[in-house]
Amino acid sequence: MARSSICTTPAALFAVLCLCAIPASAQSGKAQGGKGSGMDTLLPQKAKTGDELVKVRLTMPTIGVTSGSQQYIGITFEIEPGWHIYWKNPGDSGAAPSWNIEGTAGTPTAGAPGIQLGEPLWPAPHRYESPGDILDYVYEGTVTIIVPFTVSGGPAGARISANWLVCKDVCLPGTGESSIRFFRPSGLNPMTPSEEAPLFHSFHSRIPIPADQANIDFRTSFADGRLHITVPGATQLIFFPHASVDMVAPTDAFHEGKADGDTLSIAYSEEAQNAEAITGVLEIHRADGTEAFVEVSVPGPAATGAAPPEESE
C-alpha cells in the first residue's frame, strides 16, 4: 500500500485516522452449556499516536563529563516495528526530526548552565522504496544521532525536546522529551565507558568518514550533468545525496542511486550546473562482507569553471 500523500511535505504534519469497527458475527445454534445463542463483538483497537510510536531519550557513552573538553551526547529514537522516521535529507517525502537541547541547573536558584553543541553526526540511513518510484531515506528500529558538545558553568545535566514525523501507510507527527544527569563520580575517571557505550559504537560505525580520512581508493567526477563514482573492488554502492536549498538533486535516485558492482553514474538536475559542489554519503560494500560510509564532495561546474551543456535547437 502506498503511503498517504500527507507525508509529501514537512508542513503536512497532521493525519486523520479512521477507526472502523469490525462487525460482530452472529452465530446460530446453542452455545456451550445449553444456554441459547451468543454473539461475539470485536472492538476496534485504539490507534497509537505519533508520540507513542517513537520514544526519544538522551544517552552518553561515558559515565561523566569534564568541563571544557569535547564530549558526545546521543539522541536515541526507539521506533515501533514497521514504522520509520527520516534522515536529515528525508528524500521524496517526510521530514527530518528536529530538537532543542539545553542544560539543566543543579538547583532551582542556579543560573542557566552552558552547553555548546556541535554539528549533529547522522548515521547513514537506509533506502525505503515505495510504489510509484518514491524513494525516502529513513531509520527503523533504533537509531542514535550523535552530537558533540562541551559544557561550562557546571550544568547538572541536559534535557531535550524533540519533534518527528513517523510513517508507515500514513504519517503522524510526534513529540517527546527526555533528560539526563551529568555525573562527576568521585575517584572514577569520568571518561569510563557507560552502559550505553555499545549502543554508541554500533551507530558510530555508520557515521560517514570524511573522504580525506577514509583511506579508501575511490574516484569521483561530475561531467555532462552526471555524478560518476568508482570504487575498485566494491560489490555494491549506494549514494545518499545531501539536501540542497538550490534544488541540486539526482533526477532518478530511485533507479540510479544504488548499483551492484564498483561504479555509480547518477544524472543530476539542471540546477547542478550552478553548484559549487555535489555532496552526499556513499555506502560501500565489499566481497568480504565489510562496509564503509564516506562523505563525498565533488567539485561542481561552478567551482571548476565548466560551461553548462549547450541546449540543442
C-alpha atoms as a PDB file:
ATOM      1  CA  MET A   1       0.000   0.000   0.000  1.00  0.00           C
ATOM      2  CA  ALA A   2       1.354   3.373  -0.930  1.00  0.00           C
ATOM      3  CA  ARG A   3       1.894   5.813   1.870  1.00  0.00           C
ATOM      4  CA  SER A   4      -0.654   8.636   2.291  1.00  0.00           C
ATOM      5  CA  SER A   5       0.135  11.848   0.430  1.00  0.00           C
ATOM      6  CA  ILE A   6       0.030  13.803   3.699  1.00  0.00           C
ATOM      7  CA  CYS A   7       3.633  12.740   4.003  1.00  0.00           C
ATOM      8  CA  THR A   8       4.831  14.624   0.964  1.00  0.00           C
ATOM      9  CA  THR A   9       5.838  17.902   2.632  1.00  0.00           C
ATOM     10  CA  PRO A  10       7.217  18.810   6.056  1.00  0.00           C
ATOM     11  CA  ALA A  11       4.287  21.191   6.521  1.00  0.00           C
ATOM     12  CA  ALA A  12       1.813  18.348   6.355  1.00  0.00           C
ATOM     13  CA  LEU A  13       2.355  17.098   9.880  1.00  0.00           C
ATOM     14  CA  PHE A  14      -1.244  16.224  10.577  1.00  0.00           C
ATOM     15  CA  ALA A  15      -3.032  12.959   9.851  1.00  0.00           C
ATOM     16  CA  VAL A  16      -6.558  11.759  10.278  1.00  0.00           C
ATOM     17  CA  LEU A  17      -7.012   8.124  11.164  1.00  0.00           C
ATOM     18  CA  CYS A  18     -10.363   6.464  10.701  1.00  0.00           C
ATOM     19  CA  LEU A  19     -11.112   3.612  13.044  1.00  0.00           C
ATOM     20  CA  CYS A  20     -13.530   1.102  11.595  1.00  0.00           C
ATOM     21  CA  ALA A  21     -15.333  -1.275  13.868  1.00  0.00           C
ATOM     22  CA  ILE A  22     -15.379  -4.867  12.713  1.00  0.00           C
ATOM     23  CA  PRO A  23     -18.963  -6.114  12.727  1.00  0.00           C
ATOM     24  CA  ALA A  24     -19.645  -8.886  15.173  1.00  0.00           C
ATOM     25  CA  SER A  25     -20.560 -12.147  13.526  1.00  0.00           C
ATOM     26  CA  ALA A  26     -23.739 -13.759  14.765  1.00  0.00           C
ATOM     27  CA  GLN A  27     -23.574 -17.436  15.500  1.00  0.00           C
ATOM     28  CA  SER A  28     -26.721 -19.519  15.444  1.00  0.00           C
ATOM     29  CA  GLY A  29     -27.435 -22.604  17.468  1.00  0.00           C
ATOM     30  CA  LYS A  30     -26.882 -23.446  21.102  1.00  0.00           C
ATOM     31  CA  ALA A  31     -23.871 -22.077  22.904  1.00  0.00           C
ATOM     32  CA  GLN A  32     -21.784 -24.281  25.144  1.00  0.00           C
ATOM     33  CA  GLY A  33     -23.690 -25.130  28.269  1.00  0.00           C
ATOM     34  CA  GLY A  34     -27.102 -25.159  26.520  1.00  0.00           C
ATOM     35  CA  LYS A  35     -27.841 -21.502  27.317  1.00  0.00           C
ATOM     36  CA  GLY A  36     -29.122 -20.453  23.894  1.00  0.00           C
ATOM     37  CA  SER A  37     -27.338 -18.403  21.180  1.00  0.00           C
ATOM     38  CA  GLY A  38     -24.488 -15.901  21.663  1.00  0.00           C
ATOM     39  CA  MET A  39     -22.740 -13.108  19.744  1.00  0.00           C
ATOM     40  CA  ASP A  40     -19.054 -12.164  19.795  1.00  0.00           C
ATOM     41  CA  THR A  41     -18.248  -8.471  19.487  1.00  0.00           C
ATOM     42  CA  LEU A  42     -14.841  -7.398  18.234  1.00  0.00           C
ATOM     43  CA  LEU A  43     -13.971  -3.900  19.408  1.00  0.00           C
ATOM     44  CA  PRO A  44     -11.643  -1.691  17.318  1.00  0.00           C
ATOM     45  CA  GLN A  45      -8.112  -1.322  18.602  1.00  0.00           C
ATOM     46  CA  LYS A  46      -7.137   2.206  19.629  1.00  0.00           C
ATOM     47  CA  ALA A  47      -4.568   3.517  17.154  1.00  0.00           C
ATOM     48  CA  LYS A  48      -1.250   4.664  18.603  1.00  0.00           C
ATOM     49  CA  THR A  49      -0.274   8.303  18.302  1.00  0.00           C
ATOM     50  CA  GLY A  50       2.987   9.618  16.884  1.00  0.00           C
ATOM     51  CA  ASP A  51       4.119  10.260  20.475  1.00  0.00           C
ATOM     52  CA  GLU A  52       3.588   6.574  21.289  1.00  0.00           C
ATOM     53  CA  LEU A  53       5.120   5.117  18.120  1.00  0.00           C
ATOM     54  CA  VAL A  54       8.505   6.765  18.800  1.00  0.00           C
ATOM     55  CA  LYS A  55      10.308   7.341  22.095  1.00  0.00           C
ATOM     56  CA  VAL A  56      13.274   9.685  22.472  1.00  0.00           C
ATOM     57  CA  ARG A  57      15.932   9.660  25.163  1.00  0.00           C
ATOM     58  CA  LEU A  58      19.347  11.191  25.779  1.00  0.00           C
ATOM     59  CA  THR A  59      22.292   8.830  26.120  1.00  0.00           C
ATOM     60  CA  MET A  60      26.028   9.148  26.787  1.00  0.00           C
ATOM     61  CA  PRO A  61      28.958   6.843  26.036  1.00  0.00           C
ATOM     62  CA  THR A  62      30.747   7.819  29.272  1.00  0.00           C
ATOM     63  CA  ILE A  63      29.742   7.861  32.928  1.00  0.00           C
ATOM     64  CA  GLY A  64      30.562  11.551  33.428  1.00  0.00           C
ATOM     65  CA  VAL A  65      31.591  14.863  31.920  1.00  0.00           C
ATOM     66  CA  THR A  66      34.526  17.228  32.263  1.00  0.00           C
ATOM     67  CA  SER A  67      34.177  20.972  31.751  1.00  0.00           C
ATOM     68  CA  GLY A  68      35.792  22.476  28.685  1.00  0.00           C
ATOM     69  CA  SER A  69      36.522  19.265  26.762  1.00  0.00           C
ATOM     70  CA  GLN A  70      34.530  17.975  23.802  1.00  0.00           C
ATOM     71  CA  GLN A  71      32.314  15.023  24.574  1.00  0.00           C
ATOM     72  CA  TYR A  72      29.339  13.337  22.954  1.00  0.00           C
ATOM     73  CA  ILE A  73      25.670  13.009  23.744  1.00  0.00           C
ATOM     74  CA  GLY A  74      23.287  10.765  21.848  1.00  0.00           C
ATOM     75  CA  ILE A  75      19.730  11.406  20.741  1.00  0.00           C
ATOM     76  CA  THR A  76      18.290   7.897  20.690  1.00  0.00           C
ATOM     77  CA  PHE A  77      14.990   7.270  18.908  1.00  0.00           C
ATOM     78  CA  GLU A  78      13.233   3.959  19.556  1.00  0.00           C
ATOM     79  CA  ILE A  79      10.743   3.347  16.741  1.00  0.00           C
ATOM     80  CA  GLU A  80       7.765   0.975  16.671  1.00  0.00           C
ATOM     81  CA  PRO A  81       8.421  -2.046  14.389  1.00  0.00           C
ATOM     82  CA  GLY A  82       7.140  -1.457  10.867  1.00  0.00           C
ATOM     83  CA  TRP A  83       7.356   2.346  11.184  1.00  0.00           C
ATOM     84  CA  HIS A  84      10.194   4.729  10.303  1.00  0.00           C
ATOM     85  CA  ILE A  85      11.495   8.256  10.815  1.00  0.00           C
ATOM     86  CA  TYR A  86      13.729  10.221   8.459  1.00  0.00           C
ATOM     87  CA  TRP A  87      17.349  11.135   7.782  1.00  0.00           C
ATOM     88  CA  LYS A  88      18.417  14.802   7.536  1.00  0.00           C
ATOM     89  CA  ASN A  89      17.529  14.582   3.825  1.00  0.00           C
ATOM     90  CA  PRO A  90      14.201  12.745   4.001  1.00  0.00           C
ATOM     91  CA  GLY A  91      14.060  12.018   0.284  1.00  0.00           C
ATOM     92  CA  ASP A  92      10.862  12.296  -1.744  1.00  0.00           C
ATOM     93  CA  SER A  93       8.562  12.624   1.272  1.00  0.00           C
ATOM     94  CA  GLY A  94       8.567  13.094   5.019  1.00  0.00           C
ATOM     95  CA  ALA A  95      10.525  15.430   7.276  1.00  0.00           C
ATOM     96  CA  ALA A  96      13.696  15.111   9.337  1.00  0.00           C
ATOM     97  CA  PRO A  97      13.388  15.143  13.136  1.00  0.00           C
ATOM     98  CA  SER A  98      14.263  18.350  14.968  1.00  0.00           C
ATOM     99  CA  TRP A  99      15.162  19.049  18.574  1.00  0.00           C
ATOM    100  CA  ASN A 100      16.344  21.507  21.181  1.00  0.00           C
ATOM    101  CA  ILE A 101      18.903  20.543  23.840  1.00  0.00           C
ATOM    102  CA  GLU A 102      19.692  22.727  26.826  1.00  0.00           C
ATOM    103  CA  GLY A 103      21.490  22.388  30.127  1.00  0.00           C
ATOM    104  CA  THR A 104      19.675  21.847  33.395  1.00  0.00           C
ATOM    105  CA  ALA A 105      20.657  23.617  36.599  1.00  0.00           C
ATOM    106  CA  GLY A 106      21.622  21.750  39.738  1.00  0.00           C
ATOM    107  CA  THR A 107      19.260  23.747  41.959  1.00  0.00           C
ATOM    108  CA  PRO A 108      16.156  25.841  41.268  1.00  0.00           C
ATOM    109  CA  THR A 109      18.125  29.015  42.066  1.00  0.00           C
ATOM    110  CA  ALA A 110      21.119  28.210  39.870  1.00  0.00           C
ATOM    111  CA  GLY A 111      21.664  30.240  36.714  1.00  0.00           C
ATOM    112  CA  ALA A 112      21.202  28.789  33.243  1.00  0.00           C
ATOM    113  CA  PRO A 113      24.142  26.398  32.720  1.00  0.00           C
ATOM    114  CA  GLY A 114      26.028  26.373  29.440  1.00  0.00           C
ATOM    115  CA  ILE A 115      26.073  23.641  26.805  1.00  0.00           C
ATOM    116  CA  GLN A 116      27.692  24.344  23.450  1.00  0.00           C
ATOM    117  CA  LEU A 117      26.513  21.910  20.781  1.00  0.00           C
ATOM    118  CA  GLY A 118      28.427  20.929  17.658  1.00  0.00           C
ATOM    119  CA  GLU A 119      27.035  19.731  14.333  1.00  0.00           C
ATOM    120  CA  PRO A 120      24.998  16.503  14.685  1.00  0.00           C
ATOM    121  CA  LEU A 121      26.599  13.335  13.328  1.00  0.00           C
ATOM    122  CA  TRP A 122      23.850  11.476  11.472  1.00  0.00           C
ATOM    123  CA  PRO A 123      24.362   7.734  10.856  1.00  0.00           C
ATOM    124  CA  ALA A 124      23.883   6.691   7.242  1.00  0.00           C
ATOM    125  CA  PRO A 125      20.210   5.883   6.626  1.00  0.00           C
ATOM    126  CA  HIS A 126      18.546   3.121   4.638  1.00  0.00           C
ATOM    127  CA  ARG A 127      16.695   3.363   1.349  1.00  0.00           C
ATOM    128  CA  TYR A 128      12.921   2.980   1.660  1.00  0.00           C
ATOM    129  CA  GLU A 129      11.250   2.317  -1.673  1.00  0.00           C
ATOM    130  CA  SER A 130       7.511   2.784  -2.220  1.00  0.00           C
ATOM    131  CA  PRO A 131       5.254   2.219  -5.245  1.00  0.00           C
ATOM    132  CA  GLY A 132       5.428   4.987  -7.796  1.00  0.00           C
ATOM    133  CA  ASP A 133       9.243   5.125  -7.614  1.00  0.00           C
ATOM    134  CA  ILE A 134       9.084   7.065  -4.340  1.00  0.00           C
ATOM    135  CA  LEU A 135      12.411   6.921  -2.511  1.00  0.00           C
ATOM    136  CA  ASP A 136      12.964   8.017   1.078  1.00  0.00           C
ATOM    137  CA  TYR A 137      15.985   7.859   3.380  1.00  0.00           C
ATOM    138  CA  VAL A 138      14.921   6.505   6.740  1.00  0.00           C
ATOM    139  CA  TYR A 139      15.726   4.963  10.099  1.00  0.00           C
ATOM    140  CA  GLU A 140      13.908   1.946  11.505  1.00  0.00           C
ATOM    141  CA  GLY A 141      14.107   0.182  14.867  1.00  0.00           C
ATOM    142  CA  THR A 142      16.553   2.191  16.961  1.00  0.00           C
ATOM    143  CA  VAL A 143      18.870   4.978  15.881  1.00  0.00           C
ATOM    144  CA  THR A 144      21.245   7.253  17.783  1.00  0.00           C
ATOM    145  CA  ILE A 145      22.226  10.623  16.315  1.00  0.00           C
ATOM    146  CA  ILE A 146      25.477  11.706  17.969  1.00  0.00           C
ATOM    147  CA  VAL A 147      26.039  15.349  18.929  1.00  0.00           C
ATOM    148  CA  PRO A 148      29.438  16.739  20.037  1.00  0.00           C
ATOM    149  CA  PHE A 149      29.195  19.152  22.969  1.00  0.00           C
ATOM    150  CA  THR A 150      31.164  20.988  25.625  1.00  0.00           C
ATOM    151  CA  VAL A 151      29.934  22.179  28.990  1.00  0.00           C
ATOM    152  CA  SER A 152      30.757  25.235  31.031  1.00  0.00           C
ATOM    153  CA  GLY A 153      29.345  26.557  34.281  1.00  0.00           C
ATOM    154  CA  GLY A 154      28.835  23.150  35.790  1.00  0.00           C
ATOM    155  CA  PRO A 155      25.431  22.055  34.395  1.00  0.00           C
ATOM    156  CA  ALA A 156      23.832  19.212  36.321  1.00  0.00           C
ATOM    157  CA  GLY A 157      22.506  17.623  33.155  1.00  0.00           C
ATOM    158  CA  ALA A 158      20.700  18.177  29.880  1.00  0.00           C
ATOM    159  CA  ARG A 159      17.179  17.909  28.556  1.00  0.00           C
ATOM    160  CA  ILE A 160      15.791  17.547  25.059  1.00  0.00           C
ATOM    161  CA  SER A 161      12.523  18.458  23.401  1.00  0.00           C
ATOM    162  CA  ALA A 162      12.167  16.690  20.050  1.00  0.00           C
ATOM    163  CA  ASN A 163       9.729  16.573  17.141  1.00  0.00           C
ATOM    164  CA  TRP A 164       9.448  13.947  14.426  1.00  0.00           C
ATOM    165  CA  LEU A 165       7.307  12.544  11.652  1.00  0.00           C
ATOM    166  CA  VAL A 166       6.785   8.778  11.844  1.00  0.00           C
ATOM    167  CA  CYS A 167       5.401   6.941   8.820  1.00  0.00           C
ATOM    168  CA  LYS A 168       4.090   3.604   7.665  1.00  0.00           C
ATOM    169  CA  ASP A 169       0.965   3.648   5.482  1.00  0.00           C
ATOM    170  CA  VAL A 170       0.155   7.045   6.971  1.00  0.00           C
ATOM    171  CA  CYS A 171       2.339   9.662   8.634  1.00  0.00           C
ATOM    172  CA  LEU A 172       1.874  11.003  12.151  1.00  0.00           C
ATOM    173  CA  PRO A 173       3.597  13.890  13.936  1.00  0.00           C
ATOM    174  CA  GLY A 174       5.153  13.160  17.294  1.00  0.00           C
ATOM    175  CA  THR A 175       6.878  14.971  20.139  1.00  0.00           C
ATOM    176  CA  GLY A 176       8.806  13.841  23.187  1.00  0.00           C
ATOM    177  CA  GLU A 177      11.061  14.985  25.990  1.00  0.00           C
ATOM    178  CA  SER A 178      13.862  13.388  27.947  1.00  0.00           C
ATOM    179  CA  SER A 179      16.589  14.395  30.371  1.00  0.00           C
ATOM    180  CA  ILE A 180      19.910  13.058  31.615  1.00  0.00           C
ATOM    181  CA  ARG A 181      22.126  13.887  34.569  1.00  0.00           C
ATOM    182  CA  PHE A 182      25.831  14.576  34.244  1.00  0.00           C
ATOM    183  CA  PHE A 183      27.679  12.590  36.878  1.00  0.00           C
ATOM    184  CA  ARG A 184      31.043  13.558  38.281  1.00  0.00           C
ATOM    185  CA  PRO A 185      31.876  10.370  40.193  1.00  0.00           C
ATOM    186  CA  SER A 186      34.421  10.740  42.949  1.00  0.00           C
ATOM    187  CA  GLY A 187      37.505   8.608  42.425  1.00  0.00           C
ATOM    188  CA  LEU A 188      36.456   7.441  38.937  1.00  0.00           C
ATOM    189  CA  ASN A 189      37.545   8.646  35.539  1.00  0.00           C
ATOM    190  CA  PRO A 190      34.518  10.430  34.047  1.00  0.00           C
ATOM    191  CA  MET A 191      35.548   9.058  30.646  1.00  0.00           C
ATOM    192  CA  THR A 192      34.891   5.487  31.822  1.00  0.00           C
ATOM    193  CA  PRO A 193      32.521   3.829  29.301  1.00  0.00           C
ATOM    194  CA  SER A 194      28.878   3.799  30.355  1.00  0.00           C
ATOM    195  CA  GLU A 195      26.292   1.064  29.870  1.00  0.00           C
ATOM    196  CA  GLU A 196      25.200   2.931  26.732  1.00  0.00           C
ATOM    197  CA  ALA A 197      28.680   2.751  25.168  1.00  0.00           C
ATOM    198  CA  PRO A 198      27.903  -0.319  22.984  1.00  0.00           C
ATOM    199  CA  LEU A 199      24.863   1.492  21.570  1.00  0.00           C
ATOM    200  CA  PHE A 200      27.077   4.435  20.635  1.00  0.00           C
ATOM    201  CA  HIS A 201      29.670   2.229  18.988  1.00  0.00           C
ATOM    202  CA  SER A 202      27.050   0.424  16.879  1.00  0.00           C
ATOM    203  CA  PHE A 203      25.823   3.678  15.354  1.00  0.00           C
ATOM    204  CA  HIS A 204      29.210   5.389  15.293  1.00  0.00           C
ATOM    205  CA  SER A 205      30.265   2.760  12.759  1.00  0.00           C
ATOM    206  CA  ARG A 206      27.641   4.185  10.372  1.00  0.00           C
ATOM    207  CA  ILE A 207      28.809   7.786  10.768  1.00  0.00           C
ATOM    208  CA  PRO A 208      30.308   8.785   7.393  1.00  0.00           C
ATOM    209  CA  ILE A 209      34.052   9.428   7.367  1.00  0.00           C
ATOM    210  CA  PRO A 210      35.447  12.478   5.533  1.00  0.00           C
ATOM    211  CA  ALA A 211      36.890  11.388   2.215  1.00  0.00           C
ATOM    212  CA  ASP A 212      40.407  12.577   3.073  1.00  0.00           C
ATOM    213  CA  GLN A 213      40.394  10.346   6.174  1.00  0.00           C
ATOM    214  CA  ALA A 214      38.729   7.271   4.684  1.00  0.00           C
ATOM    215  CA  ASN A 215      41.849   5.525   3.332  1.00  0.00           C
ATOM    216  CA  ILE A 216      39.696   4.120   0.532  1.00  0.00           C
ATOM    217  CA  ASP A 217      40.594   4.136  -3.139  1.00  0.00           C
ATOM    218  CA  PHE A 218      37.664   5.770  -4.890  1.00  0.00           C
ATOM    219  CA  ARG A 219      37.350   8.139  -7.821  1.00  0.00           C
ATOM    220  CA  THR A 220      34.708  10.778  -8.383  1.00  0.00           C
ATOM    221  CA  SER A 221      33.874  13.303 -11.060  1.00  0.00           C
ATOM    222  CA  PHE A 222      30.978  15.412 -12.284  1.00  0.00           C
ATOM    223  CA  ALA A 223      30.682  15.775 -16.021  1.00  0.00           C
ATOM    224  CA  ASP A 224      27.891  16.214 -18.560  1.00  0.00           C
ATOM    225  CA  GLY A 225      25.333  16.569 -15.799  1.00  0.00           C
ATOM    226  CA  ARG A 226      26.198  13.271 -14.135  1.00  0.00           C
ATOM    227  CA  LEU A 227      27.979  12.282 -10.922  1.00  0.00           C
ATOM    228  CA  HIS A 228      30.412   9.412 -11.526  1.00  0.00           C
ATOM    229  CA  ILE A 229      31.791   7.296  -8.669  1.00  0.00           C
ATOM    230  CA  THR A 230      34.093   4.284  -8.938  1.00  0.00           C
ATOM    231  CA  VAL A 231      35.383   2.204  -6.012  1.00  0.00           C
ATOM    232  CA  PRO A 232      37.648  -0.612  -7.225  1.00  0.00           C
ATOM    233  CA  GLY A 233      36.735  -3.911  -5.584  1.00  0.00           C
ATOM    234  CA  ALA A 234      33.293  -2.821  -4.390  1.00  0.00           C
ATOM    235  CA  THR A 235      30.381  -5.207  -4.854  1.00  0.00           C
ATOM    236  CA  GLN A 236      27.676  -2.613  -4.242  1.00  0.00           C
ATOM    237  CA  LEU A 237      27.467   1.180  -3.995  1.00  0.00           C
ATOM    238  CA  ILE A 238      24.616   3.270  -2.542  1.00  0.00           C
ATOM    239  CA  PHE A 239      24.517   7.057  -2.661  1.00  0.00           C
ATOM    240  CA  PHE A 240      22.533   9.295  -0.317  1.00  0.00           C
ATOM    241  CA  PRO A 241      22.511  12.882  -1.639  1.00  0.00           C
ATOM    242  CA  HIS A 242      22.547  15.789   0.762  1.00  0.00           C
ATOM    243  CA  ALA A 243      19.541  18.096   0.693  1.00  0.00           C
ATOM    244  CA  SER A 244      20.007  21.315  -1.259  1.00  0.00           C
ATOM    245  CA  VAL A 245      18.141  24.602  -0.953  1.00  0.00           C
ATOM    246  CA  ASP A 246      19.112  25.261  -4.579  1.00  0.00           C
ATOM    247  CA  MET A 247      17.303  22.123  -5.803  1.00  0.00           C
ATOM    248  CA  VAL A 248      20.555  20.381  -6.734  1.00  0.00           C
ATOM    249  CA  ALA A 249      19.473  16.747  -6.676  1.00  0.00           C
ATOM    250  CA  PRO A 250      19.542  13.491  -8.636  1.00  0.00           C
ATOM    251  CA  THR A 251      16.777  13.232 -11.212  1.00  0.00           C
ATOM    252  CA  ASP A 252      16.289   9.475 -10.698  1.00  0.00           C
ATOM    253  CA  ALA A 253      17.871   8.359  -7.431  1.00  0.00           C
ATOM    254  CA  PHE A 254      15.314   5.549  -7.233  1.00  0.00           C
ATOM    255  CA  HIS A 255      16.955   3.700 -10.136  1.00  0.00           C
ATOM    256  CA  GLU A 256      20.431   5.230 -10.297  1.00  0.00           C
ATOM    257  CA  GLY A 257      21.302   5.779  -6.617  1.00  0.00           C
ATOM    258  CA  LYS A 258      22.125   2.114  -5.998  1.00  0.00           C
ATOM    259  CA  ALA A 259      24.171  -0.250  -8.140  1.00  0.00           C
ATOM    260  CA  ASP A 260      25.734  -3.684  -7.879  1.00  0.00           C
ATOM    261  CA  GLY A 261      29.398  -3.533  -8.786  1.00  0.00           C
ATOM    262  CA  ASP A 262      32.021  -0.833  -8.379  1.00  0.00           C
ATOM    263  CA  THR A 263      30.534   2.056 -10.378  1.00  0.00           C
ATOM    264  CA  LEU A 264      27.691   4.540  -9.976  1.00  0.00           C
ATOM    265  CA  SER A 265      26.547   7.105 -12.533  1.00  0.00           C
ATOM    266  CA  ILE A 266      23.765   9.449 -11.421  1.00  0.00           C
ATOM    267  CA  ALA A 267      22.060  12.131 -13.523  1.00  0.00           C
ATOM    268  CA  TYR A 268      21.523  15.467 -11.756  1.00  0.00           C
ATOM    269  CA  SER A 269      19.037  18.291 -12.159  1.00  0.00           C
ATOM    270  CA  GLU A 270      19.848  21.305 -14.319  1.00  0.00           C
ATOM    271  CA  GLU A 271      20.441  23.315 -11.143  1.00  0.00           C
ATOM    272  CA  ALA A 272      23.630  21.302 -10.632  1.00  0.00           C
ATOM    273  CA  GLN A 273      25.273  23.323 -13.422  1.00  0.00           C
ATOM    274  CA  ASN A 274      25.483  26.233 -10.965  1.00  0.00           C
ATOM    275  CA  ALA A 275      26.652  24.141  -8.000  1.00  0.00           C
ATOM    276  CA  GLU A 276      29.963  24.669  -6.268  1.00  0.00           C
ATOM    277  CA  ALA A 277      29.930  21.042  -5.063  1.00  0.00           C
ATOM    278  CA  ILE A 278      27.886  17.853  -5.389  1.00  0.00           C
ATOM    279  CA  THR A 279      27.705  16.249  -1.952  1.00  0.00           C
ATOM    280  CA  GLY A 280      26.314  13.214  -0.204  1.00  0.00           C
ATOM    281  CA  VAL A 281      27.140   9.979   1.609  1.00  0.00           C
ATOM    282  CA  LEU A 282      28.482   6.897  -0.156  1.00  0.00           C
ATOM    283  CA  GLU A 283      27.835   3.422   1.263  1.00  0.00           C
ATOM    284  CA  ILE A 284      30.387   0.863   0.078  1.00  0.00           C
ATOM    285  CA  HIS A 285      30.029  -2.920   0.262  1.00  0.00           C
ATOM    286  CA  ARG A 286      32.865  -5.362  -0.401  1.00  0.00           C
ATOM    287  CA  ALA A 287      33.043  -9.079  -1.149  1.00  0.00           C
ATOM    288  CA  ASP A 288      34.390  -9.873   2.332  1.00  0.00           C
ATOM    289  CA  GLY A 289      31.197  -8.508   3.917  1.00  0.00           C
ATOM    290  CA  THR A 290      32.716  -5.256   5.171  1.00  0.00           C
ATOM    291  CA  GLU A 291      31.069  -1.919   4.564  1.00  0.00           C
ATOM    292  CA  ALA A 292      32.174   1.693   4.786  1.00  0.00           C
ATOM    293  CA  PHE A 293      30.466   5.079   4.776  1.00  0.00           C
ATOM    294  CA  VAL A 294      32.208   8.067   3.241  1.00  0.00           C
ATOM    295  CA  GLU A 295      31.338  11.759   2.898  1.00  0.00           C
ATOM    296  CA  VAL A 296      31.550  12.658  -0.777  1.00  0.00           C
ATOM    297  CA  SER A 297      32.132  16.192  -2.082  1.00  0.00           C
ATOM    298  CA  VAL A 298      32.799  16.555  -5.780  1.00  0.00           C
ATOM    299  CA  PRO A 299      33.583  19.974  -7.307  1.00  0.00           C
ATOM    300  CA  GLY A 300      30.629  21.182  -9.345  1.00  0.00           C
ATOM    301  CA  PRO A 301      30.654  23.163 -12.597  1.00  0.00           C
ATOM    302  CA  ALA A 302      30.630  26.485 -10.742  1.00  0.00           C
ATOM    303  CA  ALA A 303      33.852  25.534  -8.967  1.00  0.00           C
ATOM    304  CA  THR A 304      35.652  24.074 -11.974  1.00  0.00           C
ATOM    305  CA  GLY A 305      34.529  26.744 -14.427  1.00  0.00           C
ATOM    306  CA  ALA A 306      32.952  24.138 -16.684  1.00  0.00           C
ATOM    307  CA  ALA A 307      30.368  25.604 -19.001  1.00  0.00           C
ATOM    308  CA  PRO A 308      26.850  24.132 -18.871  1.00  0.00           C
ATOM    309  CA  PRO A 309      25.980  21.855 -21.804  1.00  0.00           C
ATOM    310  CA  GLU A 310      24.643  23.707 -24.843  1.00  0.00           C
ATOM    311  CA  GLU A 311      20.935  23.388 -25.471  1.00  0.00           C
ATOM    312  CA  SER A 312      20.002  21.755 -28.751  1.00  0.00           C
ATOM    313  CA  GLU A 313      17.977  23.906 -31.117  1.00  0.00           C
END
